[in-house]
Amino acid sequence: AVGVIRSFSTNYIMYVSLELIEAIVGSGVYTSGFILAL
């Protein structure tokens, strides 16, 4: 959701703000998946 919205960014501030939000909500998938599997 956040990534698709970011593709419609109208200025630099909006772009980096959504980049931050997307990283916050999505970057834990590696560690959570790693531990779930292991």
Full PDB file with SEQRES, HELIX, SHEET, SSBOND, CRYST1, ORIGX, SCALE, CONECT and MASTER records, all heavy atoms in Angstrom:
SEQRES   1 A   38  ALA VAL GLY VAL ILE ARG SER PHE SER THR ASN TYR ILE          
SEQRES   2 A   38  MET TYR VAL SER LEU GLU LEU ILE GLU ALA ILE VAL GLY          
SEQRES   3 A   38  SER GLY VAL TYR THR SER GLY PHE ILE LEU ALA LEU              
HELIX    1 AA1 VAL A    2  ARG A    6  1                                   5    
HELIX    2 AA2 TYR A   12  GLY A   26  1                                  15    
HELIX    3 AA3 VAL A   29  ALA A   37  1                                   9    
CRYST1    1.000    1.000    1.000  90.00  90.00  90.00 P 1           1          
ORIGX1      1.000000  0.000000  0.000000        0.00000                         
ORIGX2      0.000000  1.000000  0.000000        0.00000                         
ORIGX3      0.000000  0.000000  1.000000        0.00000                         
SCALE1      1.000000  0.000000  0.000000        0.00000                         
SCALE2      0.000000  1.000000  0.000000        0.00000                         
SCALE3      0.000000  0.000000  1.000000        0.00000                         
ATOM      1  N   ALA A   1       0.819  -1.213   0.000  1.00  0.00           N  
ATOM      2  CA  ALA A   1       0.000   0.000   0.000  1.00  0.00           C  
ATOM      3  C   ALA A   1       0.853   1.262   0.000  1.00  0.00           C  
ATOM      4  O   ALA A   1       0.634   2.187  -0.798  1.00  0.00           O  
ATOM      5  CB  ALA A   1      -0.932  -0.016   1.211  1.00  0.00           C  
ATOM      6  N   VAL A   2       1.861   1.303   0.884  1.00  0.00           N  
ATOM      7  CA  VAL A   2       2.692   2.504   1.003  1.00  0.00           C  
ATOM      8  C   VAL A   2       3.517   2.715  -0.259  1.00  0.00           C  
ATOM      9  O   VAL A   2       3.673   3.846  -0.746  1.00  0.00           O  
ATOM     10  CB  VAL A   2       3.605   2.417   2.242  1.00  0.00           C  
ATOM     11  CG1 VAL A   2       4.422   3.689   2.392  1.00  0.00           C  
ATOM     12  CG2 VAL A   2       2.781   2.167   3.494  1.00  0.00           C  
ATOM     13  N   GLY A   3       4.050   1.629  -0.828  1.00  0.00           N  
ATOM     14  CA  GLY A   3       4.869   1.745  -2.028  1.00  0.00           C  
ATOM     15  C   GLY A   3       4.091   2.264  -3.221  1.00  0.00           C  
ATOM     16  O   GLY A   3       4.578   3.125  -3.966  1.00  0.00           O  
ATOM     17  N   VAL A   4       2.889   1.746  -3.408  1.00  0.00           N  
ATOM     18  CA  VAL A   4       2.063   2.213  -4.533  1.00  0.00           C  
ATOM     19  C   VAL A   4       1.714   3.692  -4.355  1.00  0.00           C  
ATOM     20  O   VAL A   4       1.762   4.477  -5.314  1.00  0.00           O  
ATOM     21  CB  VAL A   4       0.782   1.351  -4.663  1.00  0.00           C  
ATOM     22  CG1 VAL A   4      -0.179   1.981  -5.662  1.00  0.00           C  
ATOM     23  CG2 VAL A   4       1.145  -0.069  -5.091  1.00  0.00           C  
ATOM     24  N   ILE A   5       1.369   4.093  -3.134  1.00  0.00           N  
ATOM     25  CA  ILE A   5       1.064   5.511  -2.880  1.00  0.00           C  
ATOM     26  C   ILE A   5       2.298   6.375  -3.166  1.00  0.00           C  
ATOM     27  O   ILE A   5       2.191   7.469  -3.734  1.00  0.00           O  
ATOM     28  CB  ILE A   5       0.592   5.708  -1.428  1.00  0.00           C  
ATOM     29  CG1 ILE A   5      -0.760   5.013  -1.210  1.00  0.00           C  
ATOM     30  CG2 ILE A   5       0.463   7.198  -1.098  1.00  0.00           C  
ATOM     31  CD1 ILE A   5      -1.210   4.991   0.234  1.00  0.00           C  
ATOM     32  N   ARG A   6       3.486   5.884  -2.802  1.00  0.00           N  
ATOM     33  CA  ARG A   6       4.707   6.666  -3.021  1.00  0.00           C  
ATOM     34  C   ARG A   6       4.960   6.927  -4.503  1.00  0.00           C  
ATOM     35  O   ARG A   6       5.570   7.935  -4.870  1.00  0.00           O  
ATOM     36  CB  ARG A   6       5.913   5.950  -2.405  1.00  0.00           C  
ATOM     37  CG  ARG A   6       7.140   6.833  -2.332  1.00  0.00           C  
ATOM     38  CD  ARG A   6       8.311   6.187  -1.641  1.00  0.00           C  
ATOM     39  NE  ARG A   6       8.910   5.147  -2.443  1.00  0.00           N  
ATOM     40  CZ  ARG A   6       9.005   3.878  -2.101  1.00  0.00           C  
ATOM     41  NH1 ARG A   6       8.518   3.475  -0.942  1.00  0.00           N  
ATOM     42  NH2 ARG A   6       9.578   2.990  -2.883  1.00  0.00           N  
ATOM     43  N   SER A   7       4.512   6.022  -5.347  1.00  0.00           N  
ATOM     44  CA  SER A   7       4.728   6.212  -6.787  1.00  0.00           C  
ATOM     45  C   SER A   7       3.991   7.423  -7.331  1.00  0.00           C  
ATOM     46  O   SER A   7       4.275   7.888  -8.434  1.00  0.00           O  
ATOM     47  CB  SER A   7       4.294   4.955  -7.551  1.00  0.00           C  
ATOM     48  OG  SER A   7       2.881   4.814  -7.545  1.00  0.00           O  
ATOM     49  N   PHE A   8       3.028   7.953  -6.556  1.00  0.00           N  
ATOM     50  CA  PHE A   8       2.282   9.145  -6.977  1.00  0.00           C  
ATOM     51  C   PHE A   8       2.789  10.412  -6.284  1.00  0.00           C  
ATOM     52  O   PHE A   8       2.110  11.438  -6.304  1.00  0.00           O  
ATOM     53  CB  PHE A   8       0.792   8.958  -6.684  1.00  0.00           C  
ATOM     54  CG  PHE A   8       0.130   7.880  -7.502  1.00  0.00           C  
ATOM     55  CD1 PHE A   8      -0.012   6.590  -6.999  1.00  0.00           C  
ATOM     56  CD2 PHE A   8      -0.327   8.141  -8.785  1.00  0.00           C  
ATOM     57  CE1 PHE A   8      -0.615   5.594  -7.739  1.00  0.00           C  
ATOM     58  CE2 PHE A   8      -0.922   7.146  -9.541  1.00  0.00           C  
ATOM     59  CZ  PHE A   8      -1.068   5.868  -9.019  1.00  0.00           C  
ATOM     60  N   SER A   9       3.964  10.353  -5.672  1.00  0.00           N  
ATOM     61  CA  SER A   9       4.518  11.499  -4.942  1.00  0.00           C  
ATOM     62  C   SER A   9       4.606  12.722  -5.849  1.00  0.00           C  
ATOM     63  O   SER A   9       5.027  12.634  -7.009  1.00  0.00           O  
ATOM     64  CB  SER A   9       5.908  11.172  -4.405  1.00  0.00           C  
ATOM     65  OG  SER A   9       5.859  10.132  -3.461  1.00  0.00           O  
ATOM     66  N   THR A  10       4.215  13.872  -5.292  1.00  0.00           N  
ATOM     67  CA  THR A  10       4.226  15.117  -6.065  1.00  0.00           C  
ATOM     68  C   THR A  10       5.423  16.000  -5.741  1.00  0.00           C  
ATOM     69  O   THR A  10       5.673  16.972  -6.446  1.00  0.00           O  
ATOM     70  CB  THR A  10       2.931  15.916  -5.797  1.00  0.00           C  
ATOM     71  OG1 THR A  10       2.805  16.142  -4.385  1.00  0.00           O  
ATOM     72  CG2 THR A  10       1.718  15.143  -6.301  1.00  0.00           C  
ATOM     73  N   ASN A  11       6.157  15.670  -4.677  1.00  0.00           N  
ATOM     74  CA  ASN A  11       7.342  16.454  -4.335  1.00  0.00           C  
ATOM     75  C   ASN A  11       8.310  15.594  -3.540  1.00  0.00           C  
ATOM     76  O   ASN A  11       7.980  14.481  -3.116  1.00  0.00           O  
ATOM     77  CB  ASN A  11       6.973  17.716  -3.545  1.00  0.00           C  
ATOM     78  CG  ASN A  11       6.156  17.404  -2.299  1.00  0.00           C  
ATOM     79  OD1 ASN A  11       6.614  16.746  -1.376  1.00  0.00           O  
ATOM     80  ND2 ASN A  11       4.897  17.871  -2.288  1.00  0.00           N  
ATOM     81  N   TYR A  12       9.499  16.117  -3.328  1.00  0.00           N  
ATOM     82  CA  TYR A  12      10.568  15.371  -2.675  1.00  0.00           C  
ATOM     83  C   TYR A  12      10.213  15.021  -1.228  1.00  0.00           C  
ATOM     84  O   TYR A  12      10.463  13.901  -0.777  1.00  0.00           O  
ATOM     85  CB  TYR A  12      11.853  16.196  -2.724  1.00  0.00           C  
ATOM     86  CG  TYR A  12      13.007  15.589  -1.968  1.00  0.00           C  
ATOM     87  CD1 TYR A  12      13.738  14.531  -2.510  1.00  0.00           C  
ATOM     88  CD2 TYR A  12      13.381  16.077  -0.715  1.00  0.00           C  
ATOM     89  CE1 TYR A  12      14.799  13.962  -1.818  1.00  0.00           C  
ATOM     90  CE2 TYR A  12      14.448  15.524  -0.022  1.00  0.00           C  
ATOM     91  CZ  TYR A  12      15.150  14.465  -0.568  1.00  0.00           C  
ATOM     92  OH  TYR A  12      16.198  13.916   0.123  1.00  0.00           O  
ATOM     93  N   ILE A  13       9.628  15.950  -0.480  1.00  0.00           N  
ATOM     94  CA  ILE A  13       9.284  15.712   0.921  1.00  0.00           C  
ATOM     95  C   ILE A  13       8.290  14.563   1.046  1.00  0.00           C  
ATOM     96  O   ILE A  13       8.433  13.683   1.904  1.00  0.00           O  
ATOM     97  CB  ILE A  13       8.712  16.983   1.582  1.00  0.00           C  
ATOM     98  CG1 ILE A  13       9.756  18.102   1.579  1.00  0.00           C  
ATOM     99  CG2 ILE A  13       8.253  16.685   3.001  1.00  0.00           C  
ATOM    100  CD1 ILE A  13      11.006  17.777   2.371  1.00  0.00           C  
ATOM    101  N   MET A  14       7.295  14.546   0.170  1.00  0.00           N  
ATOM    102  CA  MET A  14       6.315  13.460   0.190  1.00  0.00           C  
ATOM    103  C   MET A  14       6.996  12.132  -0.113  1.00  0.00           C  
ATOM    104  O   MET A  14       6.714  11.102   0.536  1.00  0.00           O  
ATOM    105  CB  MET A  14       5.209  13.736  -0.834  1.00  0.00           C  
ATOM    106  CG  MET A  14       4.144  12.662  -0.908  1.00  0.00           C  
ATOM    107  SD  MET A  14       2.861  13.067  -2.123  1.00  0.00           S  
ATOM    108  CE  MET A  14       1.845  11.584  -2.047  1.00  0.00           C  
ATOM    109  N   TYR A  15       7.924  12.151  -1.066  1.00  0.00           N  
ATOM    110  CA  TYR A  15       8.606  10.915  -1.463  1.00  0.00           C  
ATOM    111  C   TYR A  15       9.417  10.334  -0.306  1.00  0.00           C  
ATOM    112  O   TYR A  15       9.286   9.151   0.028  1.00  0.00           O  
ATOM    113  CB  TYR A  15       9.517  11.190  -2.664  1.00  0.00           C  
ATOM    114  CG  TYR A  15      10.231   9.954  -3.157  1.00  0.00           C  
ATOM    115  CD1 TYR A  15       9.652   9.128  -4.118  1.00  0.00           C  
ATOM    116  CD2 TYR A  15      11.483   9.592  -2.659  1.00  0.00           C  
ATOM    117  CE1 TYR A  15      10.293   7.986  -4.563  1.00  0.00           C  
ATOM    118  CE2 TYR A  15      12.139   8.451  -3.093  1.00  0.00           C  
ATOM    119  CZ  TYR A  15      11.540   7.653  -4.046  1.00  0.00           C  
ATOM    120  OH  TYR A  15      12.169   6.519  -4.479  1.00  0.00           O  
ATOM    121  N   VAL A  16      10.261  11.146   0.336  1.00  0.00           N  
ATOM    122  CA  VAL A  16      11.117  10.615   1.406  1.00  0.00           C  
ATOM    123  C   VAL A  16      10.297  10.258   2.647  1.00  0.00           C  
ATOM    124  O   VAL A  16      10.649   9.332   3.389  1.00  0.00           O  
ATOM    125  CB  VAL A  16      12.259  11.591   1.769  1.00  0.00           C  
ATOM    126  CG1 VAL A  16      13.216  11.745   0.596  1.00  0.00           C  
ATOM    127  CG2 VAL A  16      11.731  12.934   2.214  1.00  0.00           C  
ATOM    128  N   SER A  17       9.194  10.967   2.883  1.00  0.00           N  
ATOM    129  CA  SER A  17       8.339  10.636   4.020  1.00  0.00           C  
ATOM    130  C   SER A  17       7.727   9.251   3.847  1.00  0.00           C  
ATOM    131  O   SER A  17       7.701   8.435   4.781  1.00  0.00           O  
ATOM    132  CB  SER A  17       7.235  11.680   4.189  1.00  0.00           C  
ATOM    133  OG  SER A  17       7.777  12.955   4.462  1.00  0.00           O  
ATOM    134  N   LEU A  18       7.247   8.969   2.637  1.00  0.00           N  
ATOM    135  CA  LEU A  18       6.661   7.661   2.363  1.00  0.00           C  
ATOM    136  C   LEU A  18       7.741   6.576   2.303  1.00  0.00           C  
ATOM    137  O   LEU A  18       7.472   5.414   2.622  1.00  0.00           O  
ATOM    138  CB  LEU A  18       5.867   7.705   1.057  1.00  0.00           C  
ATOM    139  CG  LEU A  18       4.559   8.510   1.135  1.00  0.00           C  
ATOM    140  CD1 LEU A  18       3.950   8.702  -0.246  1.00  0.00           C  
ATOM    141  CD2 LEU A  18       3.560   7.817   2.069  1.00  0.00           C  
ATOM    142  N   GLU A  19       8.951   6.944   1.898  1.00  0.00           N  
ATOM    143  CA  GLU A  19      10.067   5.998   1.934  1.00  0.00           C  
ATOM    144  C   GLU A  19      10.325   5.554   3.372  1.00  0.00           C  
ATOM    145  O   GLU A  19      10.557   4.373   3.651  1.00  0.00           O  
ATOM    146  CB  GLU A  19      11.327   6.642   1.345  1.00  0.00           C  
ATOM    147  CG  GLU A  19      12.519   5.717   1.246  1.00  0.00           C  
ATOM    148  CD  GLU A  19      12.445   4.783   0.061  1.00  0.00           C  
ATOM    149  OE1 GLU A  19      11.985   5.198  -1.016  1.00  0.00           O  
ATOM    150  OE2 GLU A  19      12.837   3.608   0.214  1.00  0.00           O  
ATOM    151  N   LEU A  20      10.257   6.513   4.298  1.00  0.00           N  
ATOM    152  CA  LEU A  20      10.456   6.212   5.714  1.00  0.00           C  
ATOM    153  C   LEU A  20       9.337   5.318   6.240  1.00  0.00           C  
ATOM    154  O   LEU A  20       9.592   4.304   6.907  1.00  0.00           O  
ATOM    155  CB  LEU A  20      10.509   7.509   6.514  1.00  0.00           C  
ATOM    156  CG  LEU A  20      10.611   7.366   8.033  1.00  0.00           C  
ATOM    157  CD1 LEU A  20      11.939   6.731   8.424  1.00  0.00           C  
ATOM    158  CD2 LEU A  20      10.446   8.720   8.717  1.00  0.00           C  
ATOM    159  N   ILE A  21       8.095   5.666   5.932  1.00  0.00           N  
ATOM    160  CA  ILE A  21       6.945   4.892   6.418  1.00  0.00           C  
ATOM    161  C   ILE A  21       6.984   3.471   5.867  1.00  0.00           C  
ATOM    162  O   ILE A  21       6.749   2.491   6.587  1.00  0.00           O  
ATOM    163  CB  ILE A  21       5.631   5.593   6.042  1.00  0.00           C  
ATOM    164  CG1 ILE A  21       5.521   6.940   6.775  1.00  0.00           C  
ATOM    165  CG2 ILE A  21       4.433   4.710   6.368  1.00  0.00           C  
ATOM    166  CD1 ILE A  21       4.371   7.796   6.306  1.00  0.00           C  
ATOM    167  N   GLU A  22       7.306   3.345   4.586  1.00  0.00           N  
ATOM    168  CA  GLU A  22       7.351   2.013   3.969  1.00  0.00           C  
ATOM    169  C   GLU A  22       8.409   1.135   4.623  1.00  0.00           C  
ATOM    170  O   GLU A  22       8.200  -0.061   4.869  1.00  0.00           O  
ATOM    171  CB  GLU A  22       7.621   2.157   2.473  1.00  0.00           C  
ATOM    172  CG  GLU A  22       7.596   0.846   1.701  1.00  0.00           C  
ATOM    173  CD  GLU A  22       8.996   0.306   1.457  1.00  0.00           C  
ATOM    174  OE1 GLU A  22       9.844   1.050   0.941  1.00  0.00           O  
ATOM    175  OE2 GLU A  22       9.228  -0.857   1.802  1.00  0.00           O  
ATOM    176  N   ALA A  23       9.552   1.726   4.942  1.00  0.00           N  
ATOM    177  CA  ALA A  23      10.609   0.960   5.611  1.00  0.00           C  
ATOM    178  C   ALA A  23      10.180   0.541   7.015  1.00  0.00           C  
ATOM    179  O   ALA A  23      10.484  -0.569   7.463  1.00  0.00           O  
ATOM    180  CB  ALA A  23      11.889   1.785   5.670  1.00  0.00           C  
ATOM    181  N   ILE A  24       9.455   1.423   7.711  1.00  0.00           N  
ATOM    182  CA  ILE A  24       9.002   1.108   9.080  1.00  0.00           C  
ATOM    183  C   ILE A  24       8.025  -0.058   9.075  1.00  0.00           C  
ATOM    184  O   ILE A  24       8.124  -0.984   9.885  1.00  0.00           O  
ATOM    185  CB  ILE A  24       8.357   2.347   9.734  1.00  0.00           C  
ATOM    186  CG1 ILE A  24       9.419   3.426  10.005  1.00  0.00           C  
ATOM    187  CG2 ILE A  24       7.652   1.970  11.041  1.00  0.00           C  
ATOM    188  CD1 ILE A  24       8.851   4.744  10.492  1.00  0.00           C  
ATOM    189  N   VAL A  25       7.065  -0.048   8.158  1.00  0.00           N  
ATOM    190  CA  VAL A  25       6.011  -1.066   8.181  1.00  0.00           C  
ATOM    191  C   VAL A  25       6.415  -2.362   7.484  1.00  0.00           C  
ATOM    192  O   VAL A  25       5.784  -3.404   7.699  1.00  0.00           O  
ATOM    193  CB  VAL A  25       4.702  -0.531   7.551  1.00  0.00           C  
ATOM    194  CG1 VAL A  25       4.197   0.673   8.312  1.00  0.00           C  
ATOM    195  CG2 VAL A  25       4.887  -0.185   6.074  1.00  0.00           C  
ATOM    196  N   GLY A  26       7.472  -2.322   6.662  1.00  0.00           N  
ATOM    197  CA  GLY A  26       7.779  -3.506   5.871  1.00  0.00           C  
ATOM    198  C   GLY A  26       9.126  -4.153   6.076  1.00  0.00           C  
ATOM    199  O   GLY A  26       9.344  -5.289   5.643  1.00  0.00           O  
ATOM    200  N   SER A  27      10.042  -3.474   6.748  1.00  0.00           N  
ATOM    201  CA  SER A  27      11.413  -4.003   6.816  1.00  0.00           C  
ATOM    202  C   SER A  27      11.576  -5.172   7.773  1.00  0.00           C  
ATOM    203  O   SER A  27      12.605  -5.843   7.749  1.00  0.00           O  
ATOM    204  CB  SER A  27      12.379  -2.880   7.215  1.00  0.00           C  
ATOM    205  OG  SER A  27      12.385  -1.868   6.237  1.00  0.00           O  
ATOM    206  N   GLY A  28      10.581  -5.426   8.621  1.00  0.00           N  
ATOM    207  CA  GLY A  28      10.694  -6.532   9.559  1.00  0.00           C  
ATOM    208  C   GLY A  28      10.365  -7.883   8.964  1.00  0.00           C  
ATOM    209  O   GLY A  28      10.459  -8.905   9.656  1.00  0.00           O  
ATOM    210  N   VAL A  29      10.003  -7.916   7.690  1.00  0.00           N  
ATOM    211  CA  VAL A  29       9.590  -9.188   7.092  1.00  0.00           C  
ATOM    212  C   VAL A  29      10.747 -10.187   7.048  1.00  0.00           C  
ATOM    213  O   VAL A  29      10.534 -11.391   7.201  1.00  0.00           O  
ATOM    214  CB  VAL A  29       9.001  -8.955   5.672  1.00  0.00           C  
ATOM    215  CG1 VAL A  29      10.068  -8.514   4.691  1.00  0.00           C  
ATOM    216  CG2 VAL A  29       8.312 -10.207   5.171  1.00  0.00           C  
ATOM    217  N   TYR A  30      11.971  -9.699   6.889  1.00  0.00           N  
ATOM    218  CA  TYR A  30      13.110 -10.623   6.811  1.00  0.00           C  
ATOM    219  C   TYR A  30      13.355 -11.303   8.158  1.00  0.00           C  
ATOM    220  O   TYR A  30      13.454 -12.535   8.232  1.00  0.00           O  
ATOM    221  CB  TYR A  30      14.371  -9.882   6.358  1.00  0.00           C  
ATOM    222  CG  TYR A  30      15.529 -10.809   6.042  1.00  0.00           C  
ATOM    223  CD1 TYR A  30      15.777 -11.211   4.736  1.00  0.00           C  
ATOM    224  CD2 TYR A  30      16.363 -11.297   7.046  1.00  0.00           C  
ATOM    225  CE1 TYR A  30      16.824 -12.060   4.434  1.00  0.00           C  
ATOM    226  CE2 TYR A  30      17.407 -12.148   6.755  1.00  0.00           C  
ATOM    227  CZ  TYR A  30      17.647 -12.530   5.452  1.00  0.00           C  
ATOM    228  OH  TYR A  30      18.677 -13.387   5.166  1.00  0.00           O  
ATOM    229  N   THR A  31      13.459 -10.511   9.221  1.00  0.00           N  
ATOM    230  CA  THR A  31      13.745 -11.112  10.529  1.00  0.00           C  
ATOM    231  C   THR A  31      12.592 -11.977  11.015  1.00  0.00           C  
ATOM    232  O   THR A  31      12.809 -13.067  11.565  1.00  0.00           O  
ATOM    233  CB  THR A  31      14.053 -10.031  11.580  1.00  0.00           C  
ATOM    234  OG1 THR A  31      12.976  -9.079  11.613  1.00  0.00           O  
ATOM    235  CG2 THR A  31      15.336  -9.307  11.259  1.00  0.00           C  
ATOM    236  N   SER A  32      11.357 -11.513  10.828  1.00  0.00           N  
ATOM    237  CA  SER A  32      10.213 -12.309  11.286  1.00  0.00           C  
ATOM    238  C   SER A  32      10.094 -13.600  10.483  1.00  0.00           C  
ATOM    239  O   SER A  32       9.809 -14.671  11.037  1.00  0.00           O  
ATOM    240  CB  SER A  32       8.916 -11.497  11.189  1.00  0.00           C  
ATOM    241  OG  SER A  32       8.703 -11.032   9.872  1.00  0.00           O  
ATOM    242  N   GLY A  33      10.320 -13.526   9.170  1.00  0.00           N  
ATOM    243  CA  GLY A  33      10.281 -14.724   8.338  1.00  0.00           C  
ATOM    244  C   GLY A  33      11.415 -15.673   8.649  1.00  0.00           C  
ATOM    245  O   GLY A  33      11.240 -16.902   8.672  1.00  0.00           O  
ATOM    246  N   PHE A  34      12.598 -15.112   8.907  1.00  0.00           N  
ATOM    247  CA  PHE A  34      13.770 -15.922   9.229  1.00  0.00           C  
ATOM    248  C   PHE A  34      13.525 -16.744  10.491  1.00  0.00           C  
ATOM    249  O   PHE A  34      13.777 -17.952  10.518  1.00  0.00           O  
ATOM    250  CB  PHE A  34      14.982 -15.005   9.408  1.00  0.00           C  
ATOM    251  CG  PHE A  34      16.291 -15.724   9.541  1.00  0.00           C  
ATOM    252  CD1 PHE A  34      17.090 -15.942   8.434  1.00  0.00           C  
ATOM    253  CD2 PHE A  34      16.728 -16.193  10.767  1.00  0.00           C  
ATOM    254  CE1 PHE A  34      18.303 -16.611   8.551  1.00  0.00           C  
ATOM    255  CE2 PHE A  34      17.928 -16.864  10.901  1.00  0.00           C  
ATOM    256  CZ  PHE A  34      18.723 -17.072   9.778  1.00  0.00           C  
ATOM    257  N   ILE A  35      13.019 -16.097  11.519  1.00  0.00           N  
ATOM    258  CA  ILE A  35      12.796 -16.791  12.788  1.00  0.00           C  
ATOM    259  C   ILE A  35      11.623 -17.756  12.679  1.00  0.00           C  
ATOM    260  O   ILE A  35      11.671 -18.872  13.204  1.00  0.00           O  
ATOM    261  CB  ILE A  35      12.589 -15.768  13.919  1.00  0.00           C  
ATOM    262  CG1 ILE A  35      13.917 -15.036  14.182  1.00  0.00           C  
ATOM    263  CG2 ILE A  35      12.084 -16.435  15.190  1.00  0.00           C  
ATOM    264  CD1 ILE A  35      13.843 -13.935  15.206  1.00  0.00           C  
ATOM    265  N   LEU A  36      10.561 -17.353  11.986  1.00  0.00           N  
ATOM    266  CA  LEU A  36       9.410 -18.238  11.790  1.00  0.00           C  
ATOM    267  C   LEU A  36       9.843 -19.528  11.095  1.00  0.00           C  
ATOM    268  O   LEU A  36       9.401 -20.630  11.468  1.00  0.00           O  
ATOM    269  CB  LEU A  36       8.341 -17.526  10.955  1.00  0.00           C  
ATOM    270  CG  LEU A  36       7.086 -18.335  10.594  1.00  0.00           C  
ATOM    271  CD1 LEU A  36       6.345 -18.772  11.849  1.00  0.00           C  
ATOM    272  CD2 LEU A  36       6.165 -17.517   9.686  1.00  0.00           C  
ATOM    273  N   ALA A  37      10.708 -19.417  10.113  1.00  0.00           N  
ATOM    274  CA  ALA A  37      11.173 -20.590   9.381  1.00  0.00           C  
ATOM    275  C   ALA A  37      12.151 -21.412  10.211  1.00  0.00           C  
ATOM    276  O   ALA A  37      12.055 -22.640  10.291  1.00  0.00           O  
ATOM    277  CB  ALA A  37      11.828 -20.157   8.071  1.00  0.00           C  
ATOM    278  N   LEU A  38      13.102 -20.731  10.856  1.00  0.00           N  
ATOM    279  CA  LEU A  38      14.193 -21.423  11.529  1.00  0.00           C  
ATOM    280  C   LEU A  38      13.720 -22.177  12.770  1.00  0.00           C  
ATOM    281  O   LEU A  38      14.296 -23.214  13.121  1.00  0.00           O  
ATOM    282  CB  LEU A  38      15.280 -20.421  11.916  1.00  0.00           C  
ATOM    283  CG  LEU A  38      16.697 -20.983  12.048  1.00  0.00           C  
ATOM    284  CD1 LEU A  38      17.193 -21.491  10.699  1.00  0.00           C  
ATOM    285  CD2 LEU A  38      17.644 -19.934  12.585  1.00  0.00           C  
TER     286      LEU A  38                                                      
MASTER        0    0    0    3    0    0    0    6  285    1    0    3          
END                                                                             
